[in-house]
Amino acid sequence: MVTAIVMIKAETSRIPELANQITEMNGVQEVFSVAGRVDLIAIVKVARNEDLADVISDKMRHLEGIVETETMIAFRAYSKKELEAGFELGLD
């Protein structure tokens, strides 16, 4: 599984509509409206790197109202839930 974090600058008046459109895309797990230098952050999880291009480059970036995107690909995922599950199994 490949995970990417996509930071999105958008036209202010289109943020809610874009968030809904992005949420409906295959591979998009969550979309957050945030404060700061970007307006939305999307979490994308797909099977292959090539699938990221389909979701982000071919579809998401072409939505009307998106000004700019920046994508970060995750190397590893760390979460409290996964760590707790590992301890329950007796993993060190």
PDB file of N, CA and C in Angstrom:
ATOM      1  N   MET A   1       0.850  -1.178   0.000  1.00  0.00           N
ATOM      2  CA  MET A   1       0.000   0.000   0.000  1.00  0.00           C
ATOM      3  C   MET A   1       0.893   1.238   0.000  1.00  0.00           C
ATOM      4  N   VAL A   2       0.599   2.165  -0.870  1.00  0.00           N
ATOM      5  CA  VAL A   2       1.324   3.429  -0.973  1.00  0.00           C
ATOM      6  C   VAL A   2       0.438   4.525  -0.391  1.00  0.00           C
ATOM      7  N   THR A   3       1.004   5.306   0.520  1.00  0.00           N
ATOM      8  CA  THR A   3       0.266   6.399   1.138  1.00  0.00           C
ATOM      9  C   THR A   3       0.885   7.723   0.734  1.00  0.00           C
ATOM     10  N   ALA A   4       0.038   8.671   0.363  1.00  0.00           N
ATOM     11  CA  ALA A   4       0.505  10.015   0.024  1.00  0.00           C
ATOM     12  C   ALA A   4      -0.333  11.035   0.775  1.00  0.00           C
ATOM     13  N   ILE A   5       0.327  12.109   1.151  1.00  0.00           N
ATOM     14  CA  ILE A   5      -0.334  13.241   1.780  1.00  0.00           C
ATOM     15  C   ILE A   5      -0.300  14.363   0.747  1.00  0.00           C
ATOM     16  N   VAL A   6      -1.458  14.850   0.356  1.00  0.00           N
ATOM     17  CA  VAL A   6      -1.535  15.877  -0.678  1.00  0.00           C
ATOM     18  C   VAL A   6      -2.006  17.179  -0.045  1.00  0.00           C
ATOM     19  N   MET A   7      -1.147  18.190  -0.128  1.00  0.00           N
ATOM     20  CA  MET A   7      -1.491  19.510   0.387  1.00  0.00           C
ATOM     21  C   MET A   7      -2.012  20.339  -0.776  1.00  0.00           C
ATOM     22  N   ILE A   8      -3.166  20.951  -0.585  1.00  0.00           N
ATOM     23  CA  ILE A   8      -3.882  21.599  -1.679  1.00  0.00           C
ATOM     24  C   ILE A   8      -4.186  23.059  -1.353  1.00  0.00           C
ATOM     25  N   LYS A   9      -3.767  23.951  -2.250  1.00  0.00           N
ATOM     26  CA  LYS A   9      -4.191  25.350  -2.200  1.00  0.00           C
ATOM     27  C   LYS A   9      -5.368  25.467  -3.147  1.00  0.00           C
ATOM     28  N   ALA A  10      -6.423  26.120  -2.685  1.00  0.00           N
ATOM     29  CA  ALA A  10      -7.644  26.200  -3.477  1.00  0.00           C
ATOM     30  C   ALA A  10      -8.213  27.609  -3.450  1.00  0.00           C
ATOM     31  N   GLU A  11      -9.068  27.882  -4.437  1.00  0.00           N
ATOM     32  CA  GLU A  11      -9.822  29.124  -4.411  1.00  0.00           C
ATOM     33  C   GLU A  11     -10.738  29.060  -3.193  1.00  0.00           C
ATOM     34  N   THR A  12     -10.699  30.089  -2.369  1.00  0.00           N
ATOM     35  CA  THR A  12     -11.405  30.088  -1.089  1.00  0.00           C
ATOM     36  C   THR A  12     -12.883  29.743  -1.217  1.00  0.00           C
ATOM     37  N   SER A  13     -13.532  30.286  -2.210  1.00  0.00           N
ATOM     38  CA  SER A  13     -14.974  30.060  -2.353  1.00  0.00           C
ATOM     39  C   SER A  13     -15.320  28.627  -2.757  1.00  0.00           C
ATOM     40  N   ARG A  14     -14.328  27.863  -3.200  1.00  0.00           N
ATOM     41  CA  ARG A  14     -14.581  26.510  -3.690  1.00  0.00           C
ATOM     42  C   ARG A  14     -14.142  25.419  -2.713  1.00  0.00           C
ATOM     43  N   ILE A  15     -13.614  25.780  -1.567  1.00  0.00           N
ATOM     44  CA  ILE A  15     -13.045  24.795  -0.644  1.00  0.00           C
ATOM     45  C   ILE A  15     -14.049  23.703  -0.255  1.00  0.00           C
ATOM     46  N   PRO A  16     -15.250  24.028   0.213  1.00  0.00           N
ATOM     47  CA  PRO A  16     -16.174  22.945   0.598  1.00  0.00           C
ATOM     48  C   PRO A  16     -16.526  22.020  -0.567  1.00  0.00           C
ATOM     49  N   GLU A  17     -16.775  22.603  -1.733  1.00  0.00           N
ATOM     50  CA  GLU A  17     -17.121  21.808  -2.914  1.00  0.00           C
ATOM     51  C   GLU A  17     -15.957  20.900  -3.319  1.00  0.00           C
ATOM     52  N   LEU A  18     -14.741  21.450  -3.324  1.00  0.00           N
ATOM     53  CA  LEU A  18     -13.569  20.655  -3.674  1.00  0.00           C
ATOM     54  C   LEU A  18     -13.345  19.527  -2.677  1.00  0.00           C
ATOM     55  N   ALA A  19     -13.509  19.816  -1.405  1.00  0.00           N
ATOM     56  CA  ALA A  19     -13.331  18.778  -0.378  1.00  0.00           C
ATOM     57  C   ALA A  19     -14.281  17.610  -0.641  1.00  0.00           C
ATOM     58  N   ASN A  20     -15.517  17.908  -0.982  1.00  0.00           N
ATOM     59  CA  ASN A  20     -16.485  16.848  -1.279  1.00  0.00           C
ATOM     60  C   ASN A  20     -16.111  16.080  -2.543  1.00  0.00           C
ATOM     61  N   GLN A  21     -15.668  16.776  -3.581  1.00  0.00           N
ATOM     62  CA  GLN A  21     -15.275  16.119  -4.823  1.00  0.00           C
ATOM     63  C   GLN A  21     -14.074  15.205  -4.605  1.00  0.00           C
ATOM     64  N   ILE A  22     -13.110  15.687  -3.856  1.00  0.00           N
ATOM     65  CA  ILE A  22     -11.894  14.907  -3.601  1.00  0.00           C
ATOM     66  C   ILE A  22     -12.212  13.682  -2.762  1.00  0.00           C
ATOM     67  N   THR A  23     -13.089  13.837  -1.784  1.00  0.00           N
ATOM     68  CA  THR A  23     -13.478  12.717  -0.920  1.00  0.00           C
ATOM     69  C   THR A  23     -14.075  11.576  -1.724  1.00  0.00           C
ATOM     70  N   GLU A  24     -14.749  11.877  -2.809  1.00  0.00           N
ATOM     71  CA  GLU A  24     -15.399  10.854  -3.635  1.00  0.00           C
ATOM     72  C   GLU A  24     -14.432  10.104  -4.555  1.00  0.00           C
ATOM     73  N   MET A  25     -13.202  10.538  -4.663  1.00  0.00           N
ATOM     74  CA  MET A  25     -12.236   9.897  -5.568  1.00  0.00           C
ATOM     75  C   MET A  25     -11.751   8.567  -5.006  1.00  0.00           C
ATOM     76  N   ASN A  26     -11.611   7.578  -5.875  1.00  0.00           N
ATOM     77  CA  ASN A  26     -11.054   6.282  -5.470  1.00  0.00           C
ATOM     78  C   ASN A  26      -9.649   6.494  -4.926  1.00  0.00           C
ATOM     79  N   GLY A  27      -9.364   5.888  -3.801  1.00  0.00           N
ATOM     80  CA  GLY A  27      -8.053   5.985  -3.182  1.00  0.00           C
ATOM     81  C   GLY A  27      -7.938   7.065  -2.126  1.00  0.00           C
ATOM     82  N   VAL A  28      -8.839   8.019  -2.119  1.00  0.00           N
ATOM     83  CA  VAL A  28      -8.793   9.094  -1.126  1.00  0.00           C
ATOM     84  C   VAL A  28      -9.476   8.594   0.145  1.00  0.00           C
ATOM     85  N   GLN A  29      -8.724   8.567   1.234  1.00  0.00           N
ATOM     86  CA  GLN A  29      -9.240   8.073   2.517  1.00  0.00           C
ATOM     87  C   GLN A  29      -9.905   9.166   3.335  1.00  0.00           C
ATOM     88  N   GLU A  30      -9.268  10.339   3.373  1.00  0.00           N
ATOM     89  CA  GLU A  30      -9.784  11.448   4.183  1.00  0.00           C
ATOM     90  C   GLU A  30      -9.370  12.765   3.549  1.00  0.00           C
ATOM     91  N   VAL A  31     -10.157  13.793   3.795  1.00  0.00           N
ATOM     92  CA  VAL A  31      -9.817  15.151   3.381  1.00  0.00           C
ATOM     93  C   VAL A  31     -10.057  16.061   4.577  1.00  0.00           C
ATOM     94  N   PHE A  32      -9.082  16.896   4.868  1.00  0.00           N
ATOM     95  CA  PHE A  32      -9.177  17.816   5.997  1.00  0.00           C
ATOM     96  C   PHE A  32      -9.132  19.250   5.488  1.00  0.00           C
ATOM     97  N   SER A  33     -10.010  20.085   5.981  1.00  0.00           N
ATOM     98  CA  SER A  33      -9.918  21.521   5.773  1.00  0.00           C
ATOM     99  C   SER A  33      -9.044  22.048   6.908  1.00  0.00           C
ATOM    100  N   VAL A  34      -7.985  22.781   6.559  1.00  0.00           N
ATOM    101  CA  VAL A  34      -7.011  23.173   7.573  1.00  0.00           C
ATOM    102  C   VAL A  34      -6.693  24.663   7.509  1.00  0.00           C
ATOM    103  N   ALA A  35      -6.107  25.162   8.582  1.00  0.00           N
ATOM    104  CA  ALA A  35      -5.602  26.529   8.621  1.00  0.00           C
ATOM    105  C   ALA A  35      -4.110  26.468   8.326  1.00  0.00           C
ATOM    106  N   GLY A  36      -3.602  27.492   7.680  1.00  0.00           N
ATOM    107  CA  GLY A  36      -2.179  27.524   7.376  1.00  0.00           C
ATOM    108  C   GLY A  36      -1.945  27.886   5.927  1.00  0.00           C
ATOM    109  N   ARG A  37      -0.804  27.468   5.380  1.00  0.00           N
ATOM    110  CA  ARG A  37      -0.447  27.859   4.017  1.00  0.00           C
ATOM    111  C   ARG A  37      -1.190  27.079   2.946  1.00  0.00           C
ATOM    112  N   VAL A  38      -1.867  25.994   3.328  1.00  0.00           N
ATOM    113  CA  VAL A  38      -2.722  25.262   2.391  1.00  0.00           C
ATOM    114  C   VAL A  38      -4.140  25.248   2.935  1.00  0.00           C
ATOM    115  N   ASP A  39      -5.072  24.885   2.064  1.00  0.00           N
ATOM    116  CA  ASP A  39      -6.486  24.909   2.450  1.00  0.00           C
ATOM    117  C   ASP A  39      -7.044  23.525   2.771  1.00  0.00           C
ATOM    118  N   LEU A  40      -6.557  22.519   2.053  1.00  0.00           N
ATOM    119  CA  LEU A  40      -7.028  21.146   2.239  1.00  0.00           C
ATOM    120  C   LEU A  40      -5.841  20.195   2.288  1.00  0.00           C
ATOM    121  N   ILE A  41      -6.007  19.122   3.033  1.00  0.00           N
ATOM    122  CA  ILE A  41      -5.031  18.034   3.030  1.00  0.00           C
ATOM    123  C   ILE A  41      -5.792  16.744   2.772  1.00  0.00           C
ATOM    124  N   ALA A  42      -5.338  16.010   1.763  1.00  0.00           N
ATOM    125  CA  ALA A  42      -5.977  14.743   1.416  1.00  0.00           C
ATOM    126  C   ALA A  42      -5.013  13.603   1.708  1.00  0.00           C
ATOM    127  N   ILE A  43      -5.536  12.532   2.308  1.00  0.00           N
ATOM    128  CA  ILE A  43      -4.771  11.318   2.544  1.00  0.00           C
ATOM    129  C   ILE A  43      -5.188  10.314   1.476  1.00  0.00           C
ATOM    130  N   VAL A  44      -4.213   9.893   0.669  1.00  0.00           N
ATOM    131  CA  VAL A  44      -4.475   8.974  -0.438  1.00  0.00           C
ATOM    132  C   VAL A  44      -3.747   7.663  -0.168  1.00  0.00           C
ATOM    133  N   LYS A  45      -4.467   6.547  -0.292  1.00  0.00           N
ATOM    134  CA  LYS A  45      -3.867   5.222  -0.119  1.00  0.00           C
ATOM    135  C   LYS A  45      -4.251   4.367  -1.322  1.00  0.00           C
ATOM    136  N   VAL A  46      -3.232   3.919  -2.058  1.00  0.00           N
ATOM    137  CA  VAL A  46      -3.448   3.128  -3.262  1.00  0.00           C
ATOM    138  C   VAL A  46      -2.474   1.953  -3.283  1.00  0.00           C
ATOM    139  N   ALA A  47      -2.699   1.035  -4.191  1.00  0.00           N
ATOM    140  CA  ALA A  47      -1.869  -0.172  -4.259  1.00  0.00           C
ATOM    141  C   ALA A  47      -0.475   0.098  -4.835  1.00  0.00           C
ATOM    142  N   ARG A  48      -0.382   0.970  -5.830  1.00  0.00           N
ATOM    143  CA  ARG A  48       0.890   1.164  -6.528  1.00  0.00           C
ATOM    144  C   ARG A  48       1.176   2.643  -6.749  1.00  0.00           C
ATOM    145  N   ASN A  49       2.440   2.972  -6.952  1.00  0.00           N
ATOM    146  CA  ASN A  49       2.819   4.357  -7.257  1.00  0.00           C
ATOM    147  C   ASN A  49       2.093   4.869  -8.489  1.00  0.00           C
ATOM    148  N   GLU A  50       1.938   4.006  -9.492  1.00  0.00           N
ATOM    149  CA  GLU A  50       1.257   4.412 -10.715  1.00  0.00           C
ATOM    150  C   GLU A  50      -0.176   4.868 -10.426  1.00  0.00           C
ATOM    151  N   ASP A  51      -0.793   4.268  -9.419  1.00  0.00           N
ATOM    152  CA  ASP A  51      -2.152   4.646  -9.048  1.00  0.00           C
ATOM    153  C   ASP A  51      -2.206   6.055  -8.474  1.00  0.00           C
ATOM    154  N   LEU A  52      -1.099   6.488  -7.851  1.00  0.00           N
ATOM    155  CA  LEU A  52      -1.038   7.867  -7.351  1.00  0.00           C
ATOM    156  C   LEU A  52      -1.161   8.854  -8.508  1.00  0.00           C
ATOM    157  N   ALA A  53      -0.491   8.550  -9.608  1.00  0.00           N
ATOM    158  CA  ALA A  53      -0.568   9.424 -10.776  1.00  0.00           C
ATOM    159  C   ALA A  53      -2.001   9.519 -11.281  1.00  0.00           C
ATOM    160  N   ASP A  54      -2.719   8.394 -11.285  1.00  0.00           N
ATOM    161  CA  ASP A  54      -4.109   8.404 -11.729  1.00  0.00           C
ATOM    162  C   ASP A  54      -4.961   9.307 -10.858  1.00  0.00           C
ATOM    163  N   VAL A  55      -4.798   9.179  -9.543  1.00  0.00           N
ATOM    164  CA  VAL A  55      -5.630   9.939  -8.610  1.00  0.00           C
ATOM    165  C   VAL A  55      -5.217  11.404  -8.552  1.00  0.00           C
ATOM    166  N   ILE A  56      -3.930  11.642  -8.350  1.00  0.00           N
ATOM    167  CA  ILE A  56      -3.474  13.013  -8.081  1.00  0.00           C
ATOM    168  C   ILE A  56      -3.231  13.801  -9.366  1.00  0.00           C
ATOM    169  N   SER A  57      -2.375  13.300 -10.232  1.00  0.00           N
ATOM    170  CA  SER A  57      -2.002  14.058 -11.433  1.00  0.00           C
ATOM    171  C   SER A  57      -3.112  14.105 -12.476  1.00  0.00           C
ATOM    172  N   ASP A  58      -3.760  12.973 -12.697  1.00  0.00           N
ATOM    173  CA  ASP A  58      -4.753  12.907 -13.772  1.00  0.00           C
ATOM    174  C   ASP A  58      -6.134  13.412 -13.366  1.00  0.00           C
ATOM    175  N   LYS A  59      -6.478  13.313 -12.093  1.00  0.00           N
ATOM    176  CA  LYS A  59      -7.837  13.701 -11.683  1.00  0.00           C
ATOM    177  C   LYS A  59      -7.848  14.895 -10.740  1.00  0.00           C
ATOM    178  N   MET A  60      -7.234  14.747  -9.569  1.00  0.00           N
ATOM    179  CA  MET A  60      -7.332  15.776  -8.540  1.00  0.00           C
ATOM    180  C   MET A  60      -6.818  17.134  -9.018  1.00  0.00           C
ATOM    181  N   ARG A  61      -5.652  17.164  -9.616  1.00  0.00           N
ATOM    182  CA  ARG A  61      -5.045  18.443 -10.009  1.00  0.00           C
ATOM    183  C   ARG A  61      -5.822  19.170 -11.094  1.00  0.00           C
ATOM    184  N   HIS A  62      -6.731  18.478 -11.774  1.00  0.00           N
ATOM    185  CA  HIS A  62      -7.507  19.100 -12.844  1.00  0.00           C
ATOM    186  C   HIS A  62      -8.866  19.609 -12.375  1.00  0.00           C
ATOM    187  N   LEU A  63      -9.170  19.457 -11.087  1.00  0.00           N
ATOM    188  CA  LEU A  63     -10.449  19.967 -10.588  1.00  0.00           C
ATOM    189  C   LEU A  63     -10.430  21.495 -10.616  1.00  0.00           C
ATOM    190  N   GLU A  64     -11.529  22.059 -11.074  1.00  0.00           N
ATOM    191  CA  GLU A  64     -11.638  23.510 -11.127  1.00  0.00           C
ATOM    192  C   GLU A  64     -11.621  24.080  -9.711  1.00  0.00           C
ATOM    193  N   GLY A  65     -10.749  25.040  -9.489  1.00  0.00           N
ATOM    194  CA  GLY A  65     -10.647  25.664  -8.175  1.00  0.00           C
ATOM    195  C   GLY A  65      -9.372  25.294  -7.440  1.00  0.00           C
ATOM    196  N   ILE A  66      -8.672  24.264  -7.901  1.00  0.00           N
ATOM    197  CA  ILE A  66      -7.392  23.922  -7.280  1.00  0.00           C
ATOM    198  C   ILE A  66      -6.320  24.815  -7.887  1.00  0.00           C
ATOM    199  N   VAL A  67      -5.586  25.503  -7.029  1.00  0.00           N
ATOM    200  CA  VAL A  67      -4.563  26.437  -7.459  1.00  0.00           C
ATOM    201  C   VAL A  67      -3.205  25.745  -7.534  1.00  0.00           C
ATOM    202  N   GLU A  68      -2.920  24.898  -6.531  1.00  0.00           N
ATOM    203  CA  GLU A  68      -1.608  24.263  -6.437  1.00  0.00           C
ATOM    204  C   GLU A  68      -1.704  23.044  -5.530  1.00  0.00           C
ATOM    205  N   THR A  69      -0.895  22.026  -5.828  1.00  0.00           N
ATOM    206  CA  THR A  69      -0.807  20.871  -4.929  1.00  0.00           C
ATOM    207  C   THR A  69       0.652  20.552  -4.654  1.00  0.00           C
ATOM    208  N   GLU A  70       0.889  19.944  -3.521  1.00  0.00           N
ATOM    209  CA  GLU A  70       2.202  19.400  -3.178  1.00  0.00           C
ATOM    210  C   GLU A  70       1.953  18.037  -2.558  1.00  0.00           C
ATOM    211  N   THR A  71       2.661  17.027  -3.062  1.00  0.00           N
ATOM    212  CA  THR A  71       2.432  15.660  -2.618  1.00  0.00           C
ATOM    213  C   THR A  71       3.657  15.126  -1.892  1.00  0.00           C
ATOM    214  N   MET A  72       3.425  14.527  -0.736  1.00  0.00           N
ATOM    215  CA  MET A  72       4.470  13.842   0.021  1.00  0.00           C
ATOM    216  C   MET A  72       4.105  12.368   0.082  1.00  0.00           C
ATOM    217  N   ILE A  73       5.055  11.511  -0.267  1.00  0.00           N
ATOM    218  CA  ILE A  73       4.830  10.071  -0.211  1.00  0.00           C
ATOM    219  C   ILE A  73       5.406   9.551   1.101  1.00  0.00           C
ATOM    220  N   ALA A  74       4.614   8.769   1.816  1.00  0.00           N
ATOM    221  CA  ALA A  74       5.038   8.239   3.114  1.00  0.00           C
ATOM    222  C   ALA A  74       5.939   7.022   2.918  1.00  0.00           C
ATOM    223  N   PHE A  75       7.049   6.986   3.651  1.00  0.00           N
ATOM    224  CA  PHE A  75       7.926   5.818   3.648  1.00  0.00           C
ATOM    225  C   PHE A  75       7.414   4.759   4.611  1.00  0.00           C
ATOM    226  N   ARG A  76       7.041   5.200   5.804  1.00  0.00           N
ATOM    227  CA  ARG A  76       6.532   4.307   6.844  1.00  0.00           C
ATOM    228  C   ARG A  76       5.372   5.001   7.544  1.00  0.00           C
ATOM    229  N   ALA A  77       4.501   4.192   8.119  1.00  0.00           N
ATOM    230  CA  ALA A  77       3.393   4.742   8.894  1.00  0.00           C
ATOM    231  C   ALA A  77       3.554   4.314  10.349  1.00  0.00           C
ATOM    232  N   TYR A  78       3.415   5.249  11.237  1.00  0.00           N
ATOM    233  CA  TYR A  78       3.467   4.990  12.668  1.00  0.00           C
ATOM    234  C   TYR A  78       2.159   5.477  13.258  1.00  0.00           C
ATOM    235  N   SER A  79       1.497   4.627  13.996  1.00  0.00           N
ATOM    236  CA  SER A  79       0.279   5.065  14.648  1.00  0.00           C
ATOM    237  C   SER A  79       0.162   4.377  15.997  1.00  0.00           C
ATOM    238  N   LYS A  80      -0.503   5.031  16.899  1.00  0.00           N
ATOM    239  CA  LYS A  80      -0.712   4.479  18.231  1.00  0.00           C
ATOM    240  C   LYS A  80      -1.474   3.152  18.137  1.00  0.00           C
ATOM    241  N   LYS A  81      -2.453   3.091  17.251  1.00  0.00           N
ATOM    242  CA  LYS A  81      -3.252   1.881  17.078  1.00  0.00           C
ATOM    243  C   LYS A  81      -2.380   0.698  16.658  1.00  0.00           C
ATOM    244  N   GLU A  82      -1.488   0.896  15.692  1.00  0.00           N
ATOM    245  CA  GLU A  82      -0.613  -0.173  15.230  1.00  0.00           C
ATOM    246  C   GLU A  82       0.373  -0.592  16.309  1.00  0.00           C
ATOM    247  N   LEU A  83       0.914   0.381  17.045  1.00  0.00           N
ATOM    248  CA  LEU A  83       1.850   0.057  18.111  1.00  0.00           C
ATOM    249  C   LEU A  83       1.179  -0.763  19.205  1.00  0.00           C
ATOM    250  N   GLU A  84      -0.031  -0.374  19.590  1.00  0.00           N
ATOM    251  CA  GLU A  84      -0.757  -1.110  20.624  1.00  0.00           C
ATOM    252  C   GLU A  84      -1.085  -2.529  20.156  1.00  0.00           C
ATOM    253  N   ALA A  85      -1.447  -2.698  18.895  1.00  0.00           N
ATOM    254  CA  ALA A  85      -1.742  -4.026  18.345  1.00  0.00           C
ATOM    255  C   ALA A  85      -0.500  -4.902  18.398  1.00  0.00           C
ATOM    256  N   GLY A  86       0.660  -4.338  18.104  1.00  0.00           N
ATOM    257  CA  GLY A  86       1.912  -5.083  18.148  1.00  0.00           C
ATOM    258  C   GLY A  86       2.229  -5.556  19.551  1.00  0.00           C
ATOM    259  N   PHE A  87       1.998  -4.721  20.553  1.00  0.00           N
ATOM    260  CA  PHE A  87       2.256  -5.105  21.939  1.00  0.00           C
ATOM    261  C   PHE A  87       1.308  -6.206  22.390  1.00  0.00           C
ATOM    262  N   GLU A  88       0.068  -6.160  21.908  1.00  0.00           N
ATOM    263  CA  GLU A  88      -0.894  -7.204  22.266  1.00  0.00           C
ATOM    264  C   GLU A  88      -0.485  -8.561  21.723  1.00  0.00           C
ATOM    265  N   LEU A  89       0.239  -8.547  20.595  1.00  0.00           N
ATOM    266  CA  LEU A  89       0.705  -9.801  20.000  1.00  0.00           C
ATOM    267  C   LEU A  89       2.022 -10.270  20.605  1.00  0.00           C
ATOM    268  N   GLY A  90       2.609  -9.436  21.466  1.00  0.00           N
ATOM    269  CA  GLY A  90       3.862  -9.791  22.089  1.00  0.00           C
ATOM    270  C   GLY A  90       5.070  -9.407  21.249  1.00  0.00           C
ATOM    271  N   LEU A  91       4.893  -8.484  20.297  1.00  0.00           N
ATOM    272  CA  LEU A  91       6.007  -8.032  19.477  1.00  0.00           C
ATOM    273  C   LEU A  91       6.793  -6.978  20.220  1.00  0.00           C
ATOM    274  N   ASP A  92       8.093  -6.962  20.014  1.00  0.00           N
ATOM    275  CA  ASP A  92       8.955  -5.946  20.640  1.00  0.00           C
ATOM    276  C   ASP A  92       9.271  -4.858  19.679  1.00  0.00           C
TER     277      ASP A  92
END
